[in-house]
Each structure stands twice: as structure tokens, then as C-alpha cells.
Amino acid sequence: KNGSREYESRLINRLGQLRRCCPHMPQELKE
């Protein structure tokens, strides 16, 4: 949000990793 494209990419990679490894996104991380 502060403009770092590197961390935007890292954020995307973490979300993709969660999607790949978890059949359903964990409710504890919903927010």
C-alpha cells in the first residue's frame, strides 16, 4: 500500500501459495 511493487508481488505469491496448499482458504486468515 506504501508503493512497494516487490511486496505487492510477495503478497500475491503468499495468497497463491495459500490457494495451492489449502483446499479452502483458512477462516482464521479471512480478514
All heavy atoms as atom14 arrays in JSON, in Angstrom:
{
  "sequence": "KNGSREYESRLINRLGQLRRCCPHMPQELKE",
  "atom14_mask": [
    [1, 1, 1, 1, 1, 1, 1, 1, 1, 0, 0, 0, 0, 0],
    [1, 1, 1, 1, 1, 1, 1, 1, 0, 0, 0, 0, 0, 0],
    [1, 1, 1, 1, 0, 0, 0, 0, 0, 0, 0, 0, 0, 0],
    [1, 1, 1, 1, 1, 1, 0, 0, 0, 0, 0, 0, 0, 0],
    [1, 1, 1, 1, 1, 1, 1, 1, 1, 1, 1, 0, 0, 0],
    [1, 1, 1, 1, 1, 1, 1, 1, 1, 0, 0, 0, 0, 0],
    [1, 1, 1, 1, 1, 1, 1, 1, 1, 1, 1, 1, 0, 0],
    [1, 1, 1, 1, 1, 1, 1, 1, 1, 0, 0, 0, 0, 0],
    [1, 1, 1, 1, 1, 1, 0, 0, 0, 0, 0, 0, 0, 0],
    [1, 1, 1, 1, 1, 1, 1, 1, 1, 1, 1, 0, 0, 0],
    [1, 1, 1, 1, 1, 1, 1, 1, 0, 0, 0, 0, 0, 0],
    [1, 1, 1, 1, 1, 1, 1, 1, 0, 0, 0, 0, 0, 0],
    [1, 1, 1, 1, 1, 1, 1, 1, 0, 0, 0, 0, 0, 0],
    [1, 1, 1, 1, 1, 1, 1, 1, 1, 1, 1, 0, 0, 0],
    [1, 1, 1, 1, 1, 1, 1, 1, 0, 0, 0, 0, 0, 0],
    [1, 1, 1, 1, 0, 0, 0, 0, 0, 0, 0, 0, 0, 0],
    [1, 1, 1, 1, 1, 1, 1, 1, 1, 0, 0, 0, 0, 0],
    [1, 1, 1, 1, 1, 1, 1, 1, 0, 0, 0, 0, 0, 0],
    [1, 1, 1, 1, 1, 1, 1, 1, 1, 1, 1, 0, 0, 0],
    [1, 1, 1, 1, 1, 1, 1, 1, 1, 1, 1, 0, 0, 0],
    [1, 1, 1, 1, 1, 1, 0, 0, 0, 0, 0, 0, 0, 0],
    [1, 1, 1, 1, 1, 1, 0, 0, 0, 0, 0, 0, 0, 0],
    [1, 1, 1, 1, 1, 1, 1, 0, 0, 0, 0, 0, 0, 0],
    [1, 1, 1, 1, 1, 1, 1, 1, 1, 1, 0, 0, 0, 0],
    [1, 1, 1, 1, 1, 1, 1, 1, 0, 0, 0, 0, 0, 0],
    [1, 1, 1, 1, 1, 1, 1, 0, 0, 0, 0, 0, 0, 0],
    [1, 1, 1, 1, 1, 1, 1, 1, 1, 0, 0, 0, 0, 0],
    [1, 1, 1, 1, 1, 1, 1, 1, 1, 0, 0, 0, 0, 0],
    [1, 1, 1, 1, 1, 1, 1, 1, 0, 0, 0, 0, 0, 0],
    [1, 1, 1, 1, 1, 1, 1, 1, 1, 0, 0, 0, 0, 0],
    [1, 1, 1, 1, 1, 1, 1, 1, 1, 0, 0, 0, 0, 0]
  ],
  "atom14_positions": [
    [[0.82, -1.21, 0.0], [0.0, 0.0, 0.0], [0.86, 1.26, 0.0], [0.42, 2.31, -0.47], [-0.93, 0.02, 1.22], [-2.13, -0.89, 1.07], [-3.03, -0.78, 2.28], [-4.31, -1.56, 2.1], [-5.19, -1.46, 3.29], [0.0, 0.0, 0.0], [0.0, 0.0, 0.0], [0.0, 0.0, 0.0], [0.0, 0.0, 0.0], [0.0, 0.0, 0.0]],
    [[2.08, 1.15, 0.51], [3.01, 2.28, 0.51], [3.81, 2.37, -0.78], [4.75, 3.15, -0.87], [3.95, 2.21, 1.71], [3.25, 2.58, 3.0], [2.37, 3.42, 3.02], [3.63, 1.92, 4.09], [0.0, 0.0, 0.0], [0.0, 0.0, 0.0], [0.0, 0.0, 0.0], [0.0, 0.0, 0.0], [0.0, 0.0, 0.0], [0.0, 0.0, 0.0]],
    [[3.43, 1.56, -1.78], [4.02, 1.7, -3.1], [5.07, 0.67, -3.49], [5.63, 0.75, -4.58], [0.0, 0.0, 0.0], [0.0, 0.0, 0.0], [0.0, 0.0, 0.0], [0.0, 0.0, 0.0], [0.0, 0.0, 0.0], [0.0, 0.0, 0.0], [0.0, 0.0, 0.0], [0.0, 0.0, 0.0], [0.0, 0.0, 0.0], [0.0, 0.0, 0.0]],
    [[5.36, -0.29, -2.62], [6.39, -1.28, -2.95], [5.83, -2.36, -3.87], [4.99, -3.16, -3.47], [6.94, -1.94, -1.68], [7.8, -3.01, -2.03], [0.0, 0.0, 0.0], [0.0, 0.0, 0.0], [0.0, 0.0, 0.0], [0.0, 0.0, 0.0], [0.0, 0.0, 0.0], [0.0, 0.0, 0.0], [0.0, 0.0, 0.0], [0.0, 0.0, 0.0]],
    [[6.3, -2.36, -5.11], [5.87, -3.39, -6.07], [6.45, -4.76, -5.68], [5.86, -5.79, -5.95], [6.29, -3.03, -7.48], [5.63, -1.76, -8.02], [4.13, -1.88, -8.26], [3.79, -2.7, -9.39], [3.57, -2.27, -10.62], [3.66, -0.98, -10.89], [3.25, -3.1, -11.57], [0.0, 0.0, 0.0], [0.0, 0.0, 0.0], [0.0, 0.0, 0.0]],
    [[7.62, -4.76, -5.04], [8.22, -6.01, -4.58], [7.3, -6.69, -3.56], [7.05, -7.89, -3.64], [9.59, -5.76, -3.94], [10.2, -7.02, -3.35], [11.49, -6.76, -2.57], [12.06, -5.65, -2.65], [11.93, -7.69, -1.89], [0.0, 0.0, 0.0], [0.0, 0.0, 0.0], [0.0, 0.0, 0.0], [0.0, 0.0, 0.0], [0.0, 0.0, 0.0]],
    [[6.79, -5.92, -2.61], [5.94, -6.51, -1.58], [4.53, -6.79, -2.11], [3.85, -7.67, -1.61], [5.93, -5.66, -0.31], [7.17, -5.95, 0.5], [8.33, -5.21, 0.34], [7.2, -7.03, 1.38], [9.48, -5.5, 1.04], [8.34, -7.34, 2.1], [9.48, -6.58, 1.92], [10.62, -6.89, 2.61], [0.0, 0.0, 0.0], [0.0, 0.0, 0.0]],
    [[4.12, -6.08, -3.12], [2.86, -6.43, -3.79], [3.0, -7.82, -4.41], [2.11, -8.66, -4.29], [2.55, -5.39, -4.87], [1.24, -5.62, -5.58], [0.95, -4.53, -6.59], [1.35, -3.36, -6.4], [0.3, -4.86, -7.6], [0.0, 0.0, 0.0], [0.0, 0.0, 0.0], [0.0, 0.0, 0.0], [0.0, 0.0, 0.0], [0.0, 0.0, 0.0]],
    [[4.14, -8.07, -5.04], [4.41, -9.38, -5.63], [4.49, -10.46, -4.56], [3.95, -11.57, -4.72], [5.71, -9.34, -6.43], [5.97, -10.59, -7.01], [0.0, 0.0, 0.0], [0.0, 0.0, 0.0], [0.0, 0.0, 0.0], [0.0, 0.0, 0.0], [0.0, 0.0, 0.0], [0.0, 0.0, 0.0], [0.0, 0.0, 0.0], [0.0, 0.0, 0.0]],
    [[5.14, -10.17, -3.45], [5.22, -11.13, -2.35], [3.84, -11.45, -1.79], [3.55, -12.59, -1.44], [6.13, -10.6, -1.24], [7.58, -10.58, -1.6], [8.4, -10.1, -0.43], [9.79, -9.98, -0.8], [10.78, -9.96, 0.08], [10.53, -10.03, 1.37], [12.03, -9.84, -0.32], [0.0, 0.0, 0.0], [0.0, 0.0, 0.0], [0.0, 0.0, 0.0]],
    [[3.01, -10.43, -1.69], [1.65, -10.62, -1.21], [0.89, -11.58, -2.13], [0.22, -12.51, -1.69], [0.93, -9.27, -1.13], [-0.51, -9.27, -0.65], [-0.61, -9.74, 0.79], [-1.1, -7.87, -0.79], [0.0, 0.0, 0.0], [0.0, 0.0, 0.0], [0.0, 0.0, 0.0], [0.0, 0.0, 0.0], [0.0, 0.0, 0.0], [0.0, 0.0, 0.0]],
    [[1.01, -11.36, -3.43], [0.36, -12.22, -4.41], [0.88, -13.65, -4.28], [0.09, -14.61, -4.3], [0.62, -11.69, -5.84], [-0.11, -10.37, -6.03], [0.2, -12.71, -6.89], [0.34, -9.59, -7.25], [0.0, 0.0, 0.0], [0.0, 0.0, 0.0], [0.0, 0.0, 0.0], [0.0, 0.0, 0.0], [0.0, 0.0, 0.0], [0.0, 0.0, 0.0]],
    [[2.18, -13.81, -4.12], [2.75, -15.14, -4.0], [2.26, -15.86, -2.76], [1.99, -17.06, -2.79], [4.28, -15.07, -4.04], [4.8, -14.67, -5.39], [4.08, -14.7, -6.39], [6.05, -14.27, -5.45], [0.0, 0.0, 0.0], [0.0, 0.0, 0.0], [0.0, 0.0, 0.0], [0.0, 0.0, 0.0], [0.0, 0.0, 0.0], [0.0, 0.0, 0.0]],
    [[2.11, -15.16, -1.65], [1.59, -15.77, -0.42], [0.13, -16.21, -0.62], [-0.26, -17.29, -0.21], [1.67, -14.82, 0.76], [3.05, -14.57, 1.24], [3.62, -15.81, 1.9], [5.02, -15.55, 2.19], [5.89, -16.48, 2.48], [5.53, -17.75, 2.53], [7.14, -16.18, 2.72], [0.0, 0.0, 0.0], [0.0, 0.0, 0.0], [0.0, 0.0, 0.0]],
    [[-0.66, -15.36, -1.24], [-2.06, -15.74, -1.49], [-2.13, -16.95, -2.41], [-2.93, -17.86, -2.19], [-2.83, -14.56, -2.1], [-3.06, -13.36, -1.18], [-3.68, -12.22, -1.96], [-3.92, -13.74, 0.01], [0.0, 0.0, 0.0], [0.0, 0.0, 0.0], [0.0, 0.0, 0.0], [0.0, 0.0, 0.0], [0.0, 0.0, 0.0], [0.0, 0.0, 0.0]],
    [[-1.29, -16.96, -3.45], [-1.27, -18.1, -4.36], [-0.81, -19.37, -3.68], [-1.35, -20.46, -3.92], [0.0, 0.0, 0.0], [0.0, 0.0, 0.0], [0.0, 0.0, 0.0], [0.0, 0.0, 0.0], [0.0, 0.0, 0.0], [0.0, 0.0, 0.0], [0.0, 0.0, 0.0], [0.0, 0.0, 0.0], [0.0, 0.0, 0.0], [0.0, 0.0, 0.0]],
    [[0.15, -19.24, -2.78], [0.63, -20.4, -2.04], [-0.48, -20.94, -1.13], [-0.68, -22.15, -1.04], [1.86, -20.01, -1.23], [2.56, -21.18, -0.58], [3.81, -20.75, 0.16], [3.81, -19.72, 0.84], [4.86, -21.53, 0.03], [0.0, 0.0, 0.0], [0.0, 0.0, 0.0], [0.0, 0.0, 0.0], [0.0, 0.0, 0.0], [0.0, 0.0, 0.0]],
    [[-1.21, -20.06, -0.48], [-2.34, -20.5, 0.34], [-3.38, -21.22, -0.53], [-3.89, -22.27, -0.16], [-3.0, -19.3, 1.04], [-2.33, -18.82, 2.31], [-2.88, -17.45, 2.71], [-2.52, -19.82, 3.43], [0.0, 0.0, 0.0], [0.0, 0.0, 0.0], [0.0, 0.0, 0.0], [0.0, 0.0, 0.0], [0.0, 0.0, 0.0], [0.0, 0.0, 0.0]],
    [[-3.67, -20.65, -1.69], [-4.65, -21.27, -2.6], [-4.2, -22.65, -3.05], [-4.97, -23.59, -3.11], [-4.88, -20.34, -3.8], [-5.57, -20.94, -5.0], [-6.93, -21.54, -4.7], [-7.58, -22.04, -5.88], [-7.37, -23.26, -6.41], [-6.52, -24.09, -5.87], [-8.03, -23.64, -7.49], [0.0, 0.0, 0.0], [0.0, 0.0, 0.0], [0.0, 0.0, 0.0]],
    [[-2.91, -22.77, -3.35], [-2.39, -24.05, -3.82], [-2.39, -25.11, -2.73], [-2.7, -26.27, -2.98], [-0.97, -23.88, -4.35], [-0.4, -25.2, -4.84], [0.96, -25.06, -5.44], [1.4, -26.35, -5.96], [2.61, -26.6, -6.37], [3.51, -25.65, -6.36], [2.93, -27.79, -6.81], [0.0, 0.0, 0.0], [0.0, 0.0, 0.0], [0.0, 0.0, 0.0]],
    [[-2.04, -24.74, -1.51], [-1.82, -25.71, -0.44], [-3.05, -25.99, 0.41], [-3.09, -26.98, 1.13], [-0.69, -25.24, 0.47], [0.89, -25.07, -0.38], [0.0, 0.0, 0.0], [0.0, 0.0, 0.0], [0.0, 0.0, 0.0], [0.0, 0.0, 0.0], [0.0, 0.0, 0.0], [0.0, 0.0, 0.0], [0.0, 0.0, 0.0], [0.0, 0.0, 0.0]],
    [[-4.03, -25.13, 0.37], [-5.21, -25.28, 1.23], [-6.45, -25.44, 0.35], [-6.73, -24.57, -0.47], [-5.39, -24.06, 2.12], [-3.96, -23.67, 3.15], [0.0, 0.0, 0.0], [0.0, 0.0, 0.0], [0.0, 0.0, 0.0], [0.0, 0.0, 0.0], [0.0, 0.0, 0.0], [0.0, 0.0, 0.0], [0.0, 0.0, 0.0], [0.0, 0.0, 0.0]],
    [[-7.2, -26.53, 0.52], [-8.4, -26.71, -0.3], [-9.4, -25.57, -0.12], [-10.11, -25.21, -1.03], [-8.99, -28.02, 0.19], [-8.05, -28.59, 1.18], [-6.97, -27.59, 1.46], [0.0, 0.0, 0.0], [0.0, 0.0, 0.0], [0.0, 0.0, 0.0], [0.0, 0.0, 0.0], [0.0, 0.0, 0.0], [0.0, 0.0, 0.0], [0.0, 0.0, 0.0]],
    [[-9.43, -24.99, 1.07], [-10.29, -23.84, 1.37], [-9.43, -22.84, 2.11], [-8.63, -23.21, 2.96], [-11.48, -24.24, 2.24], [-12.29, -25.35, 1.64], [-13.14, -25.15, 0.58], [-12.35, -26.66, 1.93], [-13.7, -26.3, 0.25], [-13.23, -27.24, 1.05], [0.0, 0.0, 0.0], [0.0, 0.0, 0.0], [0.0, 0.0, 0.0], [0.0, 0.0, 0.0]],
    [[-9.6, -21.57, 1.78], [-8.82, -20.55, 2.47], [-9.14, -20.62, 3.96], [-10.3, -20.71, 4.35], [-9.14, -19.16, 1.93], [-8.65, -18.91, 0.53], [-6.86, -18.75, 0.48], [-6.65, -18.17, -1.18], [0.0, 0.0, 0.0], [0.0, 0.0, 0.0], [0.0, 0.0, 0.0], [0.0, 0.0, 0.0], [0.0, 0.0, 0.0], [0.0, 0.0, 0.0]],
    [[-8.12, -20.57, 4.81], [-8.33, -20.67, 6.26], [-9.19, -19.52, 6.79], [-8.91, -18.36, 6.5], [-6.92, -20.6, 6.84], [-6.01, -20.96, 5.72], [-6.71, -20.51, 4.47], [0.0, 0.0, 0.0], [0.0, 0.0, 0.0], [0.0, 0.0, 0.0], [0.0, 0.0, 0.0], [0.0, 0.0, 0.0], [0.0, 0.0, 0.0], [0.0, 0.0, 0.0]],
    [[-10.22, -19.87, 7.53], [-11.11, -18.85, 8.1], [-10.37, -17.9, 9.04], [-10.72, -16.74, 9.15], [-12.28, -19.52, 8.84], [-13.29, -20.15, 7.91], [-13.93, -19.13, 6.99], [-14.43, -18.11, 7.42], [-13.89, -19.4, 5.69], [0.0, 0.0, 0.0], [0.0, 0.0, 0.0], [0.0, 0.0, 0.0], [0.0, 0.0, 0.0], [0.0, 0.0, 0.0]],
    [[-9.31, -18.41, 9.69], [-8.54, -17.57, 10.61], [-7.82, -16.46, 9.89], [-7.41, -15.48, 10.51], [-7.52, -18.44, 11.38], [-8.13, -19.5, 12.26], [-8.43, -20.8, 11.5], [-8.23, -20.87, 10.28], [-8.89, -21.74, 12.15], [0.0, 0.0, 0.0], [0.0, 0.0, 0.0], [0.0, 0.0, 0.0], [0.0, 0.0, 0.0], [0.0, 0.0, 0.0]],
    [[-7.65, -16.59, 8.58], [-6.98, -15.56, 7.78], [-7.95, -14.79, 6.89], [-7.53, -14.01, 6.04], [-5.9, -16.2, 6.9], [-4.74, -16.86, 7.63], [-3.84, -17.59, 6.64], [-3.94, -15.85, 8.42], [0.0, 0.0, 0.0], [0.0, 0.0, 0.0], [0.0, 0.0, 0.0], [0.0, 0.0, 0.0], [0.0, 0.0, 0.0], [0.0, 0.0, 0.0]],
    [[-9.22, -14.98, 7.1], [-10.24, -14.4, 6.22], [-10.1, -12.88, 6.08], [-10.14, -12.35, 4.98], [-11.63, -14.76, 6.73], [-12.73, -14.32, 5.8], [-14.09, -14.77, 6.31], [-15.17, -14.35, 5.34], [-16.48, -14.84, 5.75], [0.0, 0.0, 0.0], [0.0, 0.0, 0.0], [0.0, 0.0, 0.0], [0.0, 0.0, 0.0], [0.0, 0.0, 0.0]],
    [[-9.91, -12.2, 7.19], [-9.82, -10.73, 7.15], [-8.57, -10.28, 6.39], [-8.65, -9.38, 5.54], [-9.79, -10.17, 8.57], [-9.81, -8.66, 8.63], [-9.87, -8.13, 10.05], [-10.5, -8.78, 10.91], [-9.29, -7.07, 10.28], [0.0, 0.0, 0.0], [0.0, 0.0, 0.0], [0.0, 0.0, 0.0], [0.0, 0.0, 0.0], [0.0, 0.0, 0.0]]
  ]
}
